[in-house]
Amino acid sequence: MKVLLIYGTLSSPGGIETLLLRMTRYLSEHGHTVSLILTHPDDRSVDPRNTLVDEARRYADVWYAYGDFRTIGPALGKLPLTGFDVIYCLQNNAFLIGLLIQTHYLPNARVLAGAYFPREYCWHSKGQRFQQRLIERIFRHIPAKNVFFMTPSSATDHGDCLDRDFSGSPIFPLPVDIARFGRAQRKANRRKLVSIGRITNFKTYNFRMVDIVKDLNRLGWDFEYHIYGNGNDFDKLQAYIADRGAG
């Protein structure tokens, strides 16, 4: 099978990025041909050590075609978009680009949408942009089996928002590789708190937990808070911790 993946950027590691890399590896190792279109530059100024694109290239052809679904047409025309059986899209703009590719280059390919945010393909607000209205209109008619949700609750949320049933949609959670830790000696330290995730502006829990842990320790507890991740707000988080004397 020949698979085309579409995503925004691999600038910094996160849950979807982890899924994407593990998908390319799994598909390649099981005999499938994989190509990946990235629609935004990978900004290594965020982390010069970022090797996500290099890792993806081990298992897939990586192509760049910058733009959204309204402007990306000329860039797509330069890519060898032939022979693909499946187009898997990991965000809403990628989904519209996938439909564009299907329409103009791959009419026999199946377009699949991955839903990895609670409101990735639907919005409750009345003041919607054209892209939001377009996606919701399409999602009211797309076959449920073509939408892959991260959790059952995400499928339910989208169904409630769009007034349709997604119970027949596959559940495809973000991968956690635990096999190599199967024999680990587990000695739980209940005073040690850990968060793992991309450090970006819409994920505020890292900032909030710094103050929560500091307040708990002021009351006589002895908690440690360890943060694993990187992203656009890494330096901002470091400054926040230092400013509160919590480092």
C-alpha atoms as a PDB file:
ATOM      1  CA  MET A   1       0.000   0.000   0.000  1.00  0.00           C
ATOM      2  CA  LYS A   2       1.170   3.522  -0.754  1.00  0.00           C
ATOM      3  CA  VAL A   3       0.340   6.034   1.996  1.00  0.00           C
ATOM      4  CA  LEU A   4       0.472   9.831   1.915  1.00  0.00           C
ATOM      5  CA  LEU A   5       0.577  11.635   5.269  1.00  0.00           C
ATOM      6  CA  ILE A   6      -0.136  15.370   5.592  1.00  0.00           C
ATOM      7  CA  TYR A   7       0.753  17.562   8.581  1.00  0.00           C
ATOM      8  CA  GLY A   8       1.838  21.101   9.399  1.00  0.00           C
ATOM      9  CA  THR A   9       5.357  21.070  10.811  1.00  0.00           C
ATOM     10  CA  LEU A  10       7.809  18.987  12.811  1.00  0.00           C
ATOM     11  CA  SER A  11       9.367  21.984  14.555  1.00  0.00           C
ATOM     12  CA  SER A  12       9.120  20.520  18.058  1.00  0.00           C
ATOM     13  CA  PRO A  13       8.170  17.185  19.617  1.00  0.00           C
ATOM     14  CA  GLY A  14       4.619  16.636  20.786  1.00  0.00           C
ATOM     15  CA  GLY A  15       1.935  13.963  20.851  1.00  0.00           C
ATOM     16  CA  ILE A  16       0.901  14.224  17.193  1.00  0.00           C
ATOM     17  CA  GLU A  17       4.523  14.452  16.094  1.00  0.00           C
ATOM     18  CA  THR A  18       5.283  11.281  18.058  1.00  0.00           C
ATOM     19  CA  LEU A  19       2.331   9.530  16.446  1.00  0.00           C
ATOM     20  CA  LEU A  20       3.433  10.671  12.993  1.00  0.00           C
ATOM     21  CA  LEU A  21       6.978   9.367  13.397  1.00  0.00           C
ATOM     22  CA  ARG A  22       5.811   6.040  14.783  1.00  0.00           C
ATOM     23  CA  MET A  23       3.297   5.702  11.965  1.00  0.00           C
ATOM     24  CA  THR A  24       5.995   6.228   9.327  1.00  0.00           C
ATOM     25  CA  ARG A  25       8.225   3.664  10.991  1.00  0.00           C
ATOM     26  CA  TYR A  26       5.470   1.070  11.469  1.00  0.00           C
ATOM     27  CA  LEU A  27       4.133   1.408   7.937  1.00  0.00           C
ATOM     28  CA  SER A  28       7.601   1.279   6.387  1.00  0.00           C
ATOM     29  CA  GLU A  29       8.675  -1.748   8.417  1.00  0.00           C
ATOM     30  CA  HIS A  30       5.495  -3.564   7.360  1.00  0.00           C
ATOM     31  CA  GLY A  31       6.161  -3.157   3.655  1.00  0.00           C
ATOM     32  CA  HIS A  32       4.231   0.015   2.839  1.00  0.00           C
ATOM     33  CA  THR A  33       5.562   3.022   0.928  1.00  0.00           C
ATOM     34  CA  VAL A  34       5.181   6.271   2.889  1.00  0.00           C
ATOM     35  CA  SER A  35       5.432   9.920   1.861  1.00  0.00           C
ATOM     36  CA  LEU A  36       4.911  12.931   4.118  1.00  0.00           C
ATOM     37  CA  ILE A  37       3.867  16.444   3.100  1.00  0.00           C
ATOM     38  CA  LEU A  38       4.701  19.228   5.574  1.00  0.00           C
ATOM     39  CA  THR A  39       2.873  22.499   4.952  1.00  0.00           C
ATOM     40  CA  HIS A  40       5.028  24.775   7.146  1.00  0.00           C
ATOM     41  CA  PRO A  41       8.807  25.106   7.592  1.00  0.00           C
ATOM     42  CA  ASP A  42      10.440  23.193  10.439  1.00  0.00           C
ATOM     43  CA  ASP A  43      11.914  26.038  12.489  1.00  0.00           C
ATOM     44  CA  ARG A  44      15.102  24.724  14.050  1.00  0.00           C
ATOM     45  CA  SER A  45      15.575  28.037  15.860  1.00  0.00           C
ATOM     46  CA  VAL A  46      13.114  26.603  18.413  1.00  0.00           C
ATOM     47  CA  ASP A  47      15.533  23.769  19.112  1.00  0.00           C
ATOM     48  CA  PRO A  48      18.652  23.394  16.925  1.00  0.00           C
ATOM     49  CA  ARG A  49      18.910  19.791  18.140  1.00  0.00           C
ATOM     50  CA  ASN A  50      15.522  18.956  16.624  1.00  0.00           C
ATOM     51  CA  THR A  51      15.938  15.850  14.500  1.00  0.00           C
ATOM     52  CA  LEU A  52      12.269  15.027  13.916  1.00  0.00           C
ATOM     53  CA  VAL A  53      12.448  15.593  10.169  1.00  0.00           C
ATOM     54  CA  ASP A  54      15.673  13.585   9.984  1.00  0.00           C
ATOM     55  CA  GLU A  55      13.922  10.745  11.810  1.00  0.00           C
ATOM     56  CA  ALA A  56      10.930  10.916   9.453  1.00  0.00           C
ATOM     57  CA  ARG A  57      13.256  10.697   6.439  1.00  0.00           C
ATOM     58  CA  ARG A  58      14.483   7.307   7.655  1.00  0.00           C
ATOM     59  CA  TYR A  59      11.092   5.816   6.807  1.00  0.00           C
ATOM     60  CA  ALA A  60       9.362   8.218   4.427  1.00  0.00           C
ATOM     61  CA  ASP A  61       9.909  10.631   1.581  1.00  0.00           C
ATOM     62  CA  VAL A  62       9.466  14.086   3.130  1.00  0.00           C
ATOM     63  CA  TRP A  63       8.132  16.834   0.884  1.00  0.00           C
ATOM     64  CA  TYR A  64       7.422  20.501   1.600  1.00  0.00           C
ATOM     65  CA  ALA A  65       4.425  22.320   0.125  1.00  0.00           C
ATOM     66  CA  TYR A  66       3.791  25.554   2.008  1.00  0.00           C
ATOM     67  CA  GLY A  67       0.375  27.156   2.353  1.00  0.00           C
ATOM     68  CA  ASP A  68      -3.207  26.495   3.348  1.00  0.00           C
ATOM     69  CA  PHE A  69      -5.806  24.794   1.176  1.00  0.00           C
ATOM     70  CA  ARG A  70      -6.484  28.027  -0.721  1.00  0.00           C
ATOM     71  CA  THR A  71      -2.876  28.839  -1.631  1.00  0.00           C
ATOM     72  CA  ILE A  72      -1.066  25.503  -1.760  1.00  0.00           C
ATOM     73  CA  GLY A  73      -2.151  24.486  -5.278  1.00  0.00           C
ATOM     74  CA  PRO A  74       1.016  25.537  -7.183  1.00  0.00           C
ATOM     75  CA  ALA A  75       3.263  23.807  -4.632  1.00  0.00           C
ATOM     76  CA  LEU A  76       1.267  20.574  -4.894  1.00  0.00           C
ATOM     77  CA  GLY A  77       1.660  20.636  -8.676  1.00  0.00           C
ATOM     78  CA  LYS A  78       5.418  20.155  -8.233  1.00  0.00           C
ATOM     79  CA  LEU A  79       5.076  16.927  -6.227  1.00  0.00           C
ATOM     80  CA  PRO A  80       4.907  13.369  -7.637  1.00  0.00           C
ATOM     81  CA  LEU A  81       1.352  12.726  -6.425  1.00  0.00           C
ATOM     82  CA  THR A  82       0.657   9.435  -8.161  1.00  0.00           C
ATOM     83  CA  GLY A  83      -0.298   5.941  -7.100  1.00  0.00           C
ATOM     84  CA  PHE A  84      -1.294   6.605  -3.482  1.00  0.00           C
ATOM     85  CA  ASP A  85      -3.977   4.418  -1.953  1.00  0.00           C
ATOM     86  CA  VAL A  86      -4.563   6.359   1.277  1.00  0.00           C
ATOM     87  CA  ILE A  87      -4.254  10.025   2.280  1.00  0.00           C
ATOM     88  CA  TYR A  88      -4.069  10.396   6.068  1.00  0.00           C
ATOM     89  CA  CYS A  89      -4.498  13.941   7.421  1.00  0.00           C
ATOM     90  CA  LEU A  90      -3.567  14.846  10.995  1.00  0.00           C
ATOM     91  CA  GLN A  91      -5.219  18.280  11.381  1.00  0.00           C
ATOM     92  CA  ASN A  92      -8.066  20.263   9.848  1.00  0.00           C
ATOM     93  CA  ASN A  93      -6.030  22.278   7.306  1.00  0.00           C
ATOM     94  CA  ALA A  94      -4.239  19.082   6.275  1.00  0.00           C
ATOM     95  CA  PHE A  95      -7.651  17.461   5.800  1.00  0.00           C
ATOM     96  CA  LEU A  96      -8.759  20.124   3.334  1.00  0.00           C
ATOM     97  CA  ILE A  97      -5.451  19.792   1.499  1.00  0.00           C
ATOM     98  CA  GLY A  98      -5.980  16.040   1.379  1.00  0.00           C
ATOM     99  CA  LEU A  99      -9.381  16.527  -0.260  1.00  0.00           C
ATOM    100  CA  LEU A 100      -7.786  18.945  -2.730  1.00  0.00           C
ATOM    101  CA  ILE A 101      -5.177  16.322  -3.642  1.00  0.00           C
ATOM    102  CA  GLN A 102      -7.862  13.674  -4.002  1.00  0.00           C
ATOM    103  CA  THR A 103      -9.909  15.906  -6.309  1.00  0.00           C
ATOM    104  CA  HIS A 104      -7.079  16.906  -8.644  1.00  0.00           C
ATOM    105  CA  TYR A 105      -4.525  14.085  -8.456  1.00  0.00           C
ATOM    106  CA  LEU A 106      -5.739  10.955  -6.669  1.00  0.00           C
ATOM    107  CA  PRO A 107      -9.467  10.389  -7.286  1.00  0.00           C
ATOM    108  CA  ASN A 108      -9.238   6.732  -6.200  1.00  0.00           C
ATOM    109  CA  ALA A 109      -7.409   7.396  -2.923  1.00  0.00           C
ATOM    110  CA  ARG A 110      -9.248   7.194   0.389  1.00  0.00           C
ATOM    111  CA  VAL A 111      -8.978  10.323   2.545  1.00  0.00           C
ATOM    112  CA  LEU A 112      -8.782   9.679   6.295  1.00  0.00           C
ATOM    113  CA  ALA A 113      -8.946  12.354   8.998  1.00  0.00           C
ATOM    114  CA  GLY A 114      -7.216  12.052  12.356  1.00  0.00           C
ATOM    115  CA  ALA A 115      -8.864  13.965  15.239  1.00  0.00           C
ATOM    116  CA  TYR A 116      -6.257  14.703  17.903  1.00  0.00           C
ATOM    117  CA  PHE A 117      -7.833  17.750  19.535  1.00  0.00           C
ATOM    118  CA  PRO A 118     -11.283  17.841  21.200  1.00  0.00           C
ATOM    119  CA  ARG A 119     -12.627  20.409  18.719  1.00  0.00           C
ATOM    120  CA  GLU A 120     -10.428  19.754  15.693  1.00  0.00           C
ATOM    121  CA  TYR A 121     -13.273  19.576  13.163  1.00  0.00           C
ATOM    122  CA  CYS A 122     -16.163  21.397  14.827  1.00  0.00           C
ATOM    123  CA  TRP A 123     -16.794  24.648  16.691  1.00  0.00           C
ATOM    124  CA  HIS A 124     -19.736  25.824  18.771  1.00  0.00           C
ATOM    125  CA  SER A 125     -19.188  29.537  18.132  1.00  0.00           C
ATOM    126  CA  LYS A 126     -21.475  31.426  15.759  1.00  0.00           C
ATOM    127  CA  GLY A 127     -18.788  33.744  14.350  1.00  0.00           C
ATOM    128  CA  GLN A 128     -16.945  31.122  12.328  1.00  0.00           C
ATOM    129  CA  ARG A 129     -14.408  31.651   9.600  1.00  0.00           C
ATOM    130  CA  PHE A 130     -15.036  30.234   6.129  1.00  0.00           C
ATOM    131  CA  GLN A 131     -12.637  27.337   6.755  1.00  0.00           C
ATOM    132  CA  GLN A 132     -14.503  26.318   9.908  1.00  0.00           C
ATOM    133  CA  ARG A 133     -17.889  26.380   8.186  1.00  0.00           C
ATOM    134  CA  LEU A 134     -16.487  24.393   5.256  1.00  0.00           C
ATOM    135  CA  ILE A 135     -14.980  21.697   7.484  1.00  0.00           C
ATOM    136  CA  GLU A 136     -18.171  21.294   9.501  1.00  0.00           C
ATOM    137  CA  ARG A 137     -20.216  20.984   6.318  1.00  0.00           C
ATOM    138  CA  ILE A 138     -17.922  18.229   5.039  1.00  0.00           C
ATOM    139  CA  PHE A 139     -17.817  16.434   8.387  1.00  0.00           C
ATOM    140  CA  ARG A 140     -21.578  16.164   8.504  1.00  0.00           C
ATOM    141  CA  HIS A 141     -21.350  13.847   5.492  1.00  0.00           C
ATOM    142  CA  ILE A 142     -17.937  12.129   5.672  1.00  0.00           C
ATOM    143  CA  PRO A 143     -18.201   8.367   6.350  1.00  0.00           C
ATOM    144  CA  ALA A 144     -17.675   7.736  10.061  1.00  0.00           C
ATOM    145  CA  LYS A 145     -15.162   4.973   9.268  1.00  0.00           C
ATOM    146  CA  ASN A 146     -12.916   7.595   7.630  1.00  0.00           C
ATOM    147  CA  VAL A 147     -12.417   9.561  10.867  1.00  0.00           C
ATOM    148  CA  PHE A 148      -9.896   8.324  13.432  1.00  0.00           C
ATOM    149  CA  PHE A 149     -10.414   9.714  16.941  1.00  0.00           C
ATOM    150  CA  MET A 150      -7.859   9.842  19.738  1.00  0.00           C
ATOM    151  CA  THR A 151     -10.399   8.912  22.426  1.00  0.00           C
ATOM    152  CA  PRO A 152     -14.060   7.816  22.569  1.00  0.00           C
ATOM    153  CA  SER A 153     -14.918  11.132  24.253  1.00  0.00           C
ATOM    154  CA  SER A 154     -13.498  13.031  21.283  1.00  0.00           C
ATOM    155  CA  ALA A 155     -15.796  11.050  18.978  1.00  0.00           C
ATOM    156  CA  THR A 156     -18.733  11.853  21.257  1.00  0.00           C
ATOM    157  CA  ASP A 157     -17.848  15.555  21.401  1.00  0.00           C
ATOM    158  CA  HIS A 158     -17.635  15.804  17.617  1.00  0.00           C
ATOM    159  CA  GLY A 159     -20.907  13.905  17.268  1.00  0.00           C
ATOM    160  CA  ASP A 160     -22.698  16.218  19.706  1.00  0.00           C
ATOM    161  CA  CYS A 161     -21.293  19.270  17.967  1.00  0.00           C
ATOM    162  CA  LEU A 162     -22.202  18.098  14.470  1.00  0.00           C
ATOM    163  CA  ASP A 163     -25.427  16.292  15.421  1.00  0.00           C
ATOM    164  CA  ARG A 164     -24.333  12.934  14.012  1.00  0.00           C
ATOM    165  CA  ASP A 165     -23.130   9.530  15.209  1.00  0.00           C
ATOM    166  CA  PHE A 166     -19.400   8.726  15.153  1.00  0.00           C
ATOM    167  CA  SER A 167     -19.685   5.491  17.148  1.00  0.00           C
ATOM    168  CA  GLY A 168     -18.521   3.591  14.061  1.00  0.00           C
ATOM    169  CA  SER A 169     -15.284   5.556  13.836  1.00  0.00           C
ATOM    170  CA  PRO A 170     -11.975   3.867  14.750  1.00  0.00           C
ATOM    171  CA  ILE A 171     -10.251   4.922  17.975  1.00  0.00           C
ATOM    172  CA  PHE A 172      -6.552   5.496  17.289  1.00  0.00           C
ATOM    173  CA  PRO A 173      -4.857   6.783  20.480  1.00  0.00           C
ATOM    174  CA  LEU A 174      -1.508   8.523  20.612  1.00  0.00           C
ATOM    175  CA  PRO A 175       1.131   5.789  21.001  1.00  0.00           C
ATOM    176  CA  VAL A 176       2.983   5.172  24.247  1.00  0.00           C
ATOM    177  CA  ASP A 177       5.877   2.743  23.939  1.00  0.00           C
ATOM    178  CA  ILE A 178       6.007   0.843  27.249  1.00  0.00           C
ATOM    179  CA  ALA A 179       7.463  -2.483  26.098  1.00  0.00           C
ATOM    180  CA  ARG A 180      11.057  -1.559  26.993  1.00  0.00           C
ATOM    181  CA  PHE A 181       9.985  -0.648  30.534  1.00  0.00           C
ATOM    182  CA  GLY A 182       8.148  -3.916  31.163  1.00  0.00           C
ATOM    183  CA  ARG A 183      10.779  -5.233  33.588  1.00  0.00           C
ATOM    184  CA  ALA A 184      11.465  -1.955  35.339  1.00  0.00           C
ATOM    185  CA  GLN A 185      11.464  -1.980  39.124  1.00  0.00           C
ATOM    186  CA  ARG A 186       8.675   0.387  40.058  1.00  0.00           C
ATOM    187  CA  LYS A 187       9.088   2.276  43.307  1.00  0.00           C
ATOM    188  CA  ALA A 188       6.485   5.017  43.247  1.00  0.00           C
ATOM    189  CA  ASN A 189       7.469   8.350  44.750  1.00  0.00           C
ATOM    190  CA  ARG A 190       4.134   9.963  45.499  1.00  0.00           C
ATOM    191  CA  ARG A 191       5.754  13.316  46.152  1.00  0.00           C
ATOM    192  CA  LYS A 192       7.200  13.497  42.641  1.00  0.00           C
ATOM    193  CA  LEU A 193       4.909  15.014  39.998  1.00  0.00           C
ATOM    194  CA  VAL A 194       5.689  14.744  36.283  1.00  0.00           C
ATOM    195  CA  SER A 195       4.224  16.285  33.146  1.00  0.00           C
ATOM    196  CA  ILE A 196       5.164  15.315  29.596  1.00  0.00           C
ATOM    197  CA  GLY A 197       4.152  17.366  26.573  1.00  0.00           C
ATOM    198  CA  ARG A 198       4.937  20.147  24.166  1.00  0.00           C
ATOM    199  CA  ILE A 199       5.557  23.496  25.864  1.00  0.00           C
ATOM    200  CA  THR A 200       3.378  25.818  23.842  1.00  0.00           C
ATOM    201  CA  ASN A 201       0.984  28.695  24.423  1.00  0.00           C
ATOM    202  CA  PHE A 202      -2.270  26.710  24.515  1.00  0.00           C
ATOM    203  CA  LYS A 203      -0.952  24.232  27.111  1.00  0.00           C
ATOM    204  CA  THR A 204      -1.007  26.186  30.362  1.00  0.00           C
ATOM    205  CA  TYR A 205      -0.760  23.385  32.906  1.00  0.00           C
ATOM    206  CA  ASN A 206       3.025  23.642  33.250  1.00  0.00           C
ATOM    207  CA  PHE A 207       2.766  27.275  34.366  1.00  0.00           C
ATOM    208  CA  ARG A 208      -0.143  26.608  36.712  1.00  0.00           C
ATOM    209  CA  MET A 209       1.514  23.600  38.332  1.00  0.00           C
ATOM    210  CA  VAL A 210       4.606  25.638  39.232  1.00  0.00           C
ATOM    211  CA  ASP A 211       2.479  27.848  41.490  1.00  0.00           C
ATOM    212  CA  ILE A 212       0.423  24.926  42.816  1.00  0.00           C
ATOM    213  CA  VAL A 213       3.508  22.953  43.861  1.00  0.00           C
ATOM    214  CA  LYS A 214       5.075  26.043  45.394  1.00  0.00           C
ATOM    215  CA  ASP A 215       1.919  26.704  47.432  1.00  0.00           C
ATOM    216  CA  LEU A 216       1.758  23.072  48.596  1.00  0.00           C
ATOM    217  CA  ASN A 217       5.370  23.129  49.731  1.00  0.00           C
ATOM    218  CA  ARG A 218       4.736  26.380  51.573  1.00  0.00           C
ATOM    219  CA  LEU A 219       2.066  24.499  53.540  1.00  0.00           C
ATOM    220  CA  GLY A 220       4.608  21.917  54.645  1.00  0.00           C
ATOM    221  CA  TRP A 221       4.506  19.320  51.888  1.00  0.00           C
ATOM    222  CA  ASP A 222       7.612  18.228  50.021  1.00  0.00           C
ATOM    223  CA  PHE A 223       6.684  17.885  46.346  1.00  0.00           C
ATOM    224  CA  GLU A 224       8.953  17.876  43.299  1.00  0.00           C
ATOM    225  CA  TYR A 225       7.661  18.863  39.878  1.00  0.00           C
ATOM    226  CA  HIS A 226       9.510  17.614  36.787  1.00  0.00           C
ATOM    227  CA  ILE A 227       8.653  18.887  33.308  1.00  0.00           C
ATOM    228  CA  TYR A 228       9.610  16.943  30.175  1.00  0.00           C
ATOM    229  CA  GLY A 229       9.104  18.636  26.823  1.00  0.00           C
ATOM    230  CA  ASN A 230      10.126  21.399  24.474  1.00  0.00           C
ATOM    231  CA  GLY A 231       8.443  23.995  22.323  1.00  0.00           C
ATOM    232  CA  ASN A 232       7.956  27.676  21.564  1.00  0.00           C
ATOM    233  CA  ASP A 233       7.352  28.624  25.219  1.00  0.00           C
ATOM    234  CA  PHE A 234      10.341  26.754  26.683  1.00  0.00           C
ATOM    235  CA  ASP A 235      12.313  29.930  27.495  1.00  0.00           C
ATOM    236  CA  LYS A 236       9.175  31.639  28.798  1.00  0.00           C
ATOM    237  CA  LEU A 237       8.548  28.730  31.171  1.00  0.00           C
ATOM    238  CA  GLN A 238      12.147  28.797  32.401  1.00  0.00           C
ATOM    239  CA  ALA A 239      11.843  32.527  33.109  1.00  0.00           C
ATOM    240  CA  TYR A 240       8.516  31.948  34.885  1.00  0.00           C
ATOM    241  CA  ILE A 241      10.074  29.337  37.172  1.00  0.00           C
ATOM    242  CA  ALA A 242      13.069  31.531  37.930  1.00  0.00           C
ATOM    243  CA  ASP A 243      10.882  34.555  38.632  1.00  0.00           C
ATOM    244  CA  ARG A 244       9.021  32.591  41.307  1.00  0.00           C
ATOM    245  CA  GLY A 245      12.147  31.093  42.808  1.00  0.00           C
ATOM    246  CA  ALA A 246      10.858  27.617  42.113  1.00  0.00           C
ATOM    247  CA  GLY A 247      13.851  26.243  40.192  1.00  0.00           C
END
